[in-house]
């Protein structure tokens, strides 16, 4: 099942207090970037983020879910209605995320 544009718009609105949140459509889903780094994505109308230490620490009870078959597990963000929490989560994760790979 592909993610809806409406859910993407909802998540982007929830993240609107942060600077430089962008996305890229990918096979019916959406990859989310924060200040140029991949932070997670929207898969089947679920917000999933990379399972870095800071994300696990902020969401100790979060479930690990597959964004799609054959992918690495990611953390499900349940509290998408809490703008302050989402901003705190993205800011905490930023330094742990790798820089994008250079294109040749």
N, C-alpha and C. Protein backbone atom coordinates (compact mmCIF):
# COMPACT_ATOMS: atom_id res chain seq x y z
N UNK A 1 0.83 -1.18 0.00
CA UNK A 1 0.00 0.00 0.00
C UNK A 1 0.88 1.25 0.00
N UNK A 2 0.63 2.15 -0.88
CA UNK A 2 1.39 3.39 -0.96
C UNK A 2 0.88 4.38 0.08
N UNK A 3 1.74 5.31 0.43
CA UNK A 3 1.35 6.36 1.37
C UNK A 3 0.58 7.46 0.66
N UNK A 4 -0.32 8.09 1.40
CA UNK A 4 -1.13 9.15 0.80
C UNK A 4 -0.41 10.49 0.87
N UNK A 5 -0.70 11.31 -0.10
CA UNK A 5 -0.16 12.68 -0.12
C UNK A 5 -0.68 13.45 1.10
N UNK A 6 -1.89 13.15 1.53
CA UNK A 6 -2.47 13.83 2.69
C UNK A 6 -1.68 13.53 3.96
N UNK A 7 -1.25 12.26 4.14
CA UNK A 7 -0.46 11.93 5.32
C UNK A 7 0.90 12.62 5.27
N UNK A 8 1.51 12.65 4.10
CA UNK A 8 2.77 13.38 3.93
C UNK A 8 2.60 14.84 4.33
N UNK A 9 1.55 15.48 3.83
CA UNK A 9 1.30 16.88 4.14
C UNK A 9 1.06 17.09 5.63
N UNK A 10 0.38 16.15 6.27
CA UNK A 10 0.15 16.23 7.72
C UNK A 10 1.49 16.19 8.47
N UNK A 11 2.34 15.24 8.11
CA UNK A 11 3.65 15.12 8.78
C UNK A 11 4.50 16.36 8.53
N UNK A 12 4.51 16.85 7.30
CA UNK A 12 5.29 18.06 7.00
C UNK A 12 4.78 19.25 7.80
N UNK A 13 3.47 19.34 7.98
CA UNK A 13 2.90 20.41 8.81
C UNK A 13 3.34 20.26 10.26
N UNK A 14 3.36 19.03 10.75
CA UNK A 14 3.80 18.78 12.13
C UNK A 14 5.27 19.17 12.31
N UNK A 15 6.06 19.08 11.25
CA UNK A 15 7.49 19.39 11.30
C UNK A 15 7.80 20.81 10.84
N UNK A 16 6.78 21.63 10.64
CA UNK A 16 6.96 22.95 10.03
C UNK A 16 7.79 23.91 10.88
N UNK A 17 7.96 23.64 12.16
CA UNK A 17 8.79 24.50 13.01
C UNK A 17 10.28 24.28 12.75
N UNK A 18 10.62 23.17 12.13
CA UNK A 18 12.02 22.87 11.81
C UNK A 18 12.39 23.45 10.46
N UNK A 19 13.63 23.91 10.34
CA UNK A 19 14.12 24.41 9.06
C UNK A 19 14.62 23.25 8.22
N UNK A 20 14.39 23.32 6.93
CA UNK A 20 14.99 22.41 5.96
C UNK A 20 14.57 20.95 6.11
N UNK A 21 13.27 20.71 6.24
CA UNK A 21 12.73 19.35 6.14
C UNK A 21 12.22 19.21 4.71
N UNK A 22 12.77 18.24 3.99
CA UNK A 22 12.37 18.01 2.61
C UNK A 22 12.03 16.54 2.43
N UNK A 23 11.52 16.22 1.25
CA UNK A 23 11.16 14.83 0.98
C UNK A 23 11.41 14.53 -0.48
N UNK A 24 11.45 13.23 -0.77
CA UNK A 24 11.53 12.77 -2.15
C UNK A 24 10.61 11.56 -2.28
N UNK A 25 9.77 11.60 -3.30
CA UNK A 25 8.88 10.47 -3.56
C UNK A 25 9.71 9.31 -4.10
N UNK A 26 9.39 8.10 -3.60
CA UNK A 26 10.13 6.91 -4.01
C UNK A 26 9.18 5.72 -4.01
N UNK A 27 8.76 5.29 -5.17
CA UNK A 27 7.92 4.10 -5.33
C UNK A 27 6.65 4.15 -4.46
N UNK A 28 5.96 5.28 -4.46
CA UNK A 28 4.72 5.40 -3.71
C UNK A 28 4.91 5.75 -2.25
N UNK A 29 6.15 5.87 -1.81
CA UNK A 29 6.45 6.24 -0.43
C UNK A 29 7.26 7.54 -0.46
N UNK A 30 7.67 8.03 0.72
CA UNK A 30 8.38 9.31 0.79
C UNK A 30 9.58 9.19 1.72
N UNK A 31 10.76 9.53 1.20
CA UNK A 31 11.97 9.59 2.00
C UNK A 31 12.02 11.00 2.60
N UNK A 32 12.25 11.10 3.92
CA UNK A 32 12.33 12.40 4.58
C UNK A 32 13.79 12.77 4.86
N UNK A 33 14.10 14.02 4.59
CA UNK A 33 15.44 14.56 4.83
C UNK A 33 15.33 15.69 5.84
N UNK A 34 16.31 15.75 6.73
CA UNK A 34 16.41 16.87 7.66
C UNK A 34 17.79 17.48 7.50
N UNK A 35 17.82 18.73 7.04
CA UNK A 35 19.06 19.46 6.77
C UNK A 35 20.01 18.62 5.92
N UNK A 36 19.45 17.99 4.90
CA UNK A 36 20.24 17.25 3.92
C UNK A 36 20.54 15.81 4.25
N UNK A 37 20.17 15.34 5.44
CA UNK A 37 20.44 13.96 5.83
C UNK A 37 19.13 13.16 5.85
N UNK A 38 19.20 11.92 5.42
CA UNK A 38 18.02 11.04 5.47
C UNK A 38 17.75 10.70 6.93
N UNK A 39 16.56 11.05 7.38
CA UNK A 39 16.19 10.80 8.78
C UNK A 39 15.22 9.64 8.91
N UNK A 40 14.48 9.38 7.83
CA UNK A 40 13.49 8.32 7.84
C UNK A 40 12.58 8.46 6.64
N UNK A 41 11.33 8.10 6.83
CA UNK A 41 10.40 8.20 5.72
C UNK A 41 8.98 7.89 6.13
N UNK A 42 8.12 8.03 5.16
CA UNK A 42 6.71 7.70 5.34
C UNK A 42 6.44 6.47 4.48
N UNK A 43 6.06 5.39 5.14
CA UNK A 43 5.82 4.11 4.49
C UNK A 43 4.46 3.59 4.94
N UNK A 44 3.58 3.33 4.01
CA UNK A 44 2.23 2.85 4.33
C UNK A 44 1.56 3.74 5.38
N UNK A 45 1.68 5.05 5.18
CA UNK A 45 1.11 6.04 6.10
C UNK A 45 1.57 5.85 7.54
N UNK A 46 2.85 5.51 7.69
CA UNK A 46 3.50 5.42 9.01
C UNK A 46 4.77 6.25 8.94
N UNK A 47 5.07 7.02 9.98
CA UNK A 47 6.34 7.73 10.07
C UNK A 47 7.35 6.80 10.72
N UNK A 48 8.38 6.44 9.97
CA UNK A 48 9.45 5.59 10.46
C UNK A 48 10.76 6.37 10.41
N UNK A 49 11.59 6.21 11.45
CA UNK A 49 12.89 6.88 11.49
C UNK A 49 13.99 5.86 11.69
N UNK A 50 15.20 6.27 11.33
CA UNK A 50 16.36 5.39 11.51
C UNK A 50 16.55 5.11 13.00
N UNK A 51 16.93 3.89 13.34
CA UNK A 51 17.05 3.52 14.76
C UNK A 51 18.40 3.90 15.38
N UNK A 52 18.74 5.19 15.35
CA UNK A 52 19.97 5.65 15.97
C UNK A 52 19.76 5.73 17.48
N UNK A 53 20.87 5.80 18.24
CA UNK A 53 20.79 5.75 19.70
C UNK A 53 19.86 6.79 20.30
N UNK A 54 19.93 8.01 19.79
CA UNK A 54 19.09 9.07 20.37
C UNK A 54 17.60 8.81 20.13
N UNK A 55 17.25 8.24 18.99
CA UNK A 55 15.85 7.92 18.72
C UNK A 55 15.36 6.81 19.64
N UNK A 56 16.20 5.79 19.84
CA UNK A 56 15.83 4.69 20.74
C UNK A 56 15.69 5.22 22.17
N UNK A 57 16.58 6.14 22.56
CA UNK A 57 16.52 6.70 23.92
C UNK A 57 15.24 7.53 24.13
N UNK A 58 14.83 8.28 23.11
CA UNK A 58 13.62 9.10 23.23
C UNK A 58 12.34 8.29 23.10
N UNK A 59 12.44 7.14 22.45
CA UNK A 59 11.25 6.28 22.26
C UNK A 59 11.58 4.84 22.67
N UNK A 60 11.83 4.61 23.96
CA UNK A 60 12.27 3.28 24.40
C UNK A 60 11.25 2.17 24.14
N UNK A 61 9.98 2.53 24.03
CA UNK A 61 8.94 1.52 23.81
C UNK A 61 8.51 1.42 22.35
N UNK A 62 9.20 2.13 21.47
CA UNK A 62 8.82 2.12 20.05
C UNK A 62 9.05 0.74 19.45
N UNK A 63 8.21 0.39 18.50
CA UNK A 63 8.36 -0.89 17.83
C UNK A 63 9.24 -0.72 16.59
N UNK A 64 9.98 -1.77 16.31
CA UNK A 64 10.78 -1.82 15.09
C UNK A 64 9.91 -2.41 14.00
N UNK A 65 9.85 -1.73 12.87
CA UNK A 65 9.02 -2.19 11.77
C UNK A 65 9.79 -2.09 10.46
N UNK A 66 9.39 -2.93 9.51
CA UNK A 66 9.99 -2.90 8.18
C UNK A 66 9.26 -1.88 7.31
N UNK A 67 9.99 -0.97 6.69
CA UNK A 67 9.32 -0.03 5.79
C UNK A 67 8.77 -0.74 4.55
N UNK A 68 9.50 -1.75 4.09
CA UNK A 68 9.09 -2.57 2.96
C UNK A 68 9.90 -3.85 3.02
N UNK A 69 9.46 -4.86 2.32
CA UNK A 69 10.11 -6.16 2.36
C UNK A 69 11.56 -6.06 1.90
N UNK A 70 12.46 -6.63 2.69
CA UNK A 70 13.88 -6.64 2.35
C UNK A 70 14.66 -5.45 2.89
N UNK A 71 13.98 -4.52 3.56
CA UNK A 71 14.64 -3.33 4.11
C UNK A 71 15.10 -3.59 5.54
N UNK A 72 15.94 -2.69 6.05
CA UNK A 72 16.34 -2.74 7.45
C UNK A 72 15.20 -2.19 8.30
N UNK A 73 15.11 -2.71 9.52
CA UNK A 73 14.06 -2.25 10.43
C UNK A 73 14.27 -0.80 10.81
N UNK A 74 13.16 -0.10 11.02
CA UNK A 74 13.18 1.29 11.45
C UNK A 74 12.24 1.42 12.64
N UNK A 75 12.34 2.56 13.33
CA UNK A 75 11.48 2.81 14.49
C UNK A 75 10.19 3.49 14.07
N UNK A 76 9.08 2.98 14.56
CA UNK A 76 7.77 3.58 14.31
C UNK A 76 7.58 4.75 15.28
N UNK A 77 7.27 5.92 14.75
CA UNK A 77 6.98 7.09 15.58
C UNK A 77 5.46 7.12 15.79
N UNK A 78 5.04 6.85 17.01
CA UNK A 78 3.61 6.83 17.34
C UNK A 78 3.06 8.22 17.64
N UNK A 79 3.89 9.06 18.23
CA UNK A 79 3.42 10.36 18.74
C UNK A 79 3.53 11.45 17.67
N UNK A 80 2.92 11.22 16.51
CA UNK A 80 3.01 12.19 15.41
C UNK A 80 2.16 13.44 15.64
N UNK A 81 1.29 13.42 16.63
CA UNK A 81 0.46 14.60 16.92
C UNK A 81 1.20 15.62 17.79
N UNK A 82 2.34 15.24 18.34
CA UNK A 82 3.10 16.09 19.25
C UNK A 82 4.24 16.78 18.51
N UNK A 83 4.00 18.01 18.07
CA UNK A 83 5.00 18.78 17.31
C UNK A 83 6.30 18.97 18.07
N UNK A 84 6.20 19.28 19.36
CA UNK A 84 7.40 19.51 20.16
C UNK A 84 8.26 18.25 20.24
N UNK A 85 7.60 17.11 20.42
CA UNK A 85 8.34 15.85 20.46
C UNK A 85 9.03 15.56 19.13
N UNK A 86 8.33 15.78 18.03
CA UNK A 86 8.92 15.52 16.71
C UNK A 86 10.14 16.41 16.47
N UNK A 87 10.05 17.68 16.84
CA UNK A 87 11.18 18.59 16.69
C UNK A 87 12.36 18.12 17.55
N UNK A 88 12.08 17.74 18.78
CA UNK A 88 13.12 17.24 19.69
C UNK A 88 13.76 15.98 19.12
N UNK A 89 12.94 15.08 18.60
CA UNK A 89 13.44 13.83 18.02
C UNK A 89 14.36 14.10 16.83
N UNK A 90 13.91 14.91 15.89
CA UNK A 90 14.71 15.17 14.69
C UNK A 90 16.01 15.88 15.05
N UNK A 91 15.96 16.85 15.98
CA UNK A 91 17.17 17.55 16.39
C UNK A 91 18.15 16.62 17.09
N UNK A 92 17.63 15.74 17.94
CA UNK A 92 18.49 14.79 18.65
C UNK A 92 19.16 13.82 17.69
N UNK A 93 18.45 13.40 16.67
CA UNK A 93 18.97 12.41 15.73
C UNK A 93 20.00 12.98 14.76
N UNK A 94 19.92 14.26 14.46
CA UNK A 94 20.68 14.85 13.37
C UNK A 94 22.18 14.53 13.41
N UNK A 95 22.83 14.73 14.54
CA UNK A 95 24.29 14.53 14.61
C UNK A 95 24.70 13.07 14.42
N UNK A 96 23.80 12.14 14.70
CA UNK A 96 24.12 10.72 14.54
C UNK A 96 23.93 10.21 13.11
N UNK A 97 23.27 10.97 12.29
CA UNK A 97 22.98 10.52 10.93
C UNK A 97 24.18 10.76 10.02
N UNK A 98 24.43 9.82 9.11
CA UNK A 98 25.56 10.01 8.19
C UNK A 98 25.27 11.08 7.14
N UNK A 99 26.31 11.68 6.65
CA UNK A 99 26.18 12.62 5.53
C UNK A 99 25.78 11.84 4.29
N UNK A 100 25.06 12.47 3.39
CA UNK A 100 24.70 11.76 2.15
C UNK A 100 25.95 11.40 1.36
N UNK A 101 25.86 10.28 0.66
CA UNK A 101 26.98 9.84 -0.17
C UNK A 101 27.11 10.78 -1.37
N UNK A 102 28.35 11.06 -1.74
CA UNK A 102 28.61 11.92 -2.90
C UNK A 102 28.24 11.18 -4.18
N UNK A 103 27.60 11.90 -5.09
CA UNK A 103 27.28 11.32 -6.39
C UNK A 103 28.48 11.49 -7.30
N UNK A 104 28.72 10.49 -8.11
CA UNK A 104 29.86 10.57 -9.02
C UNK A 104 29.53 11.38 -10.24
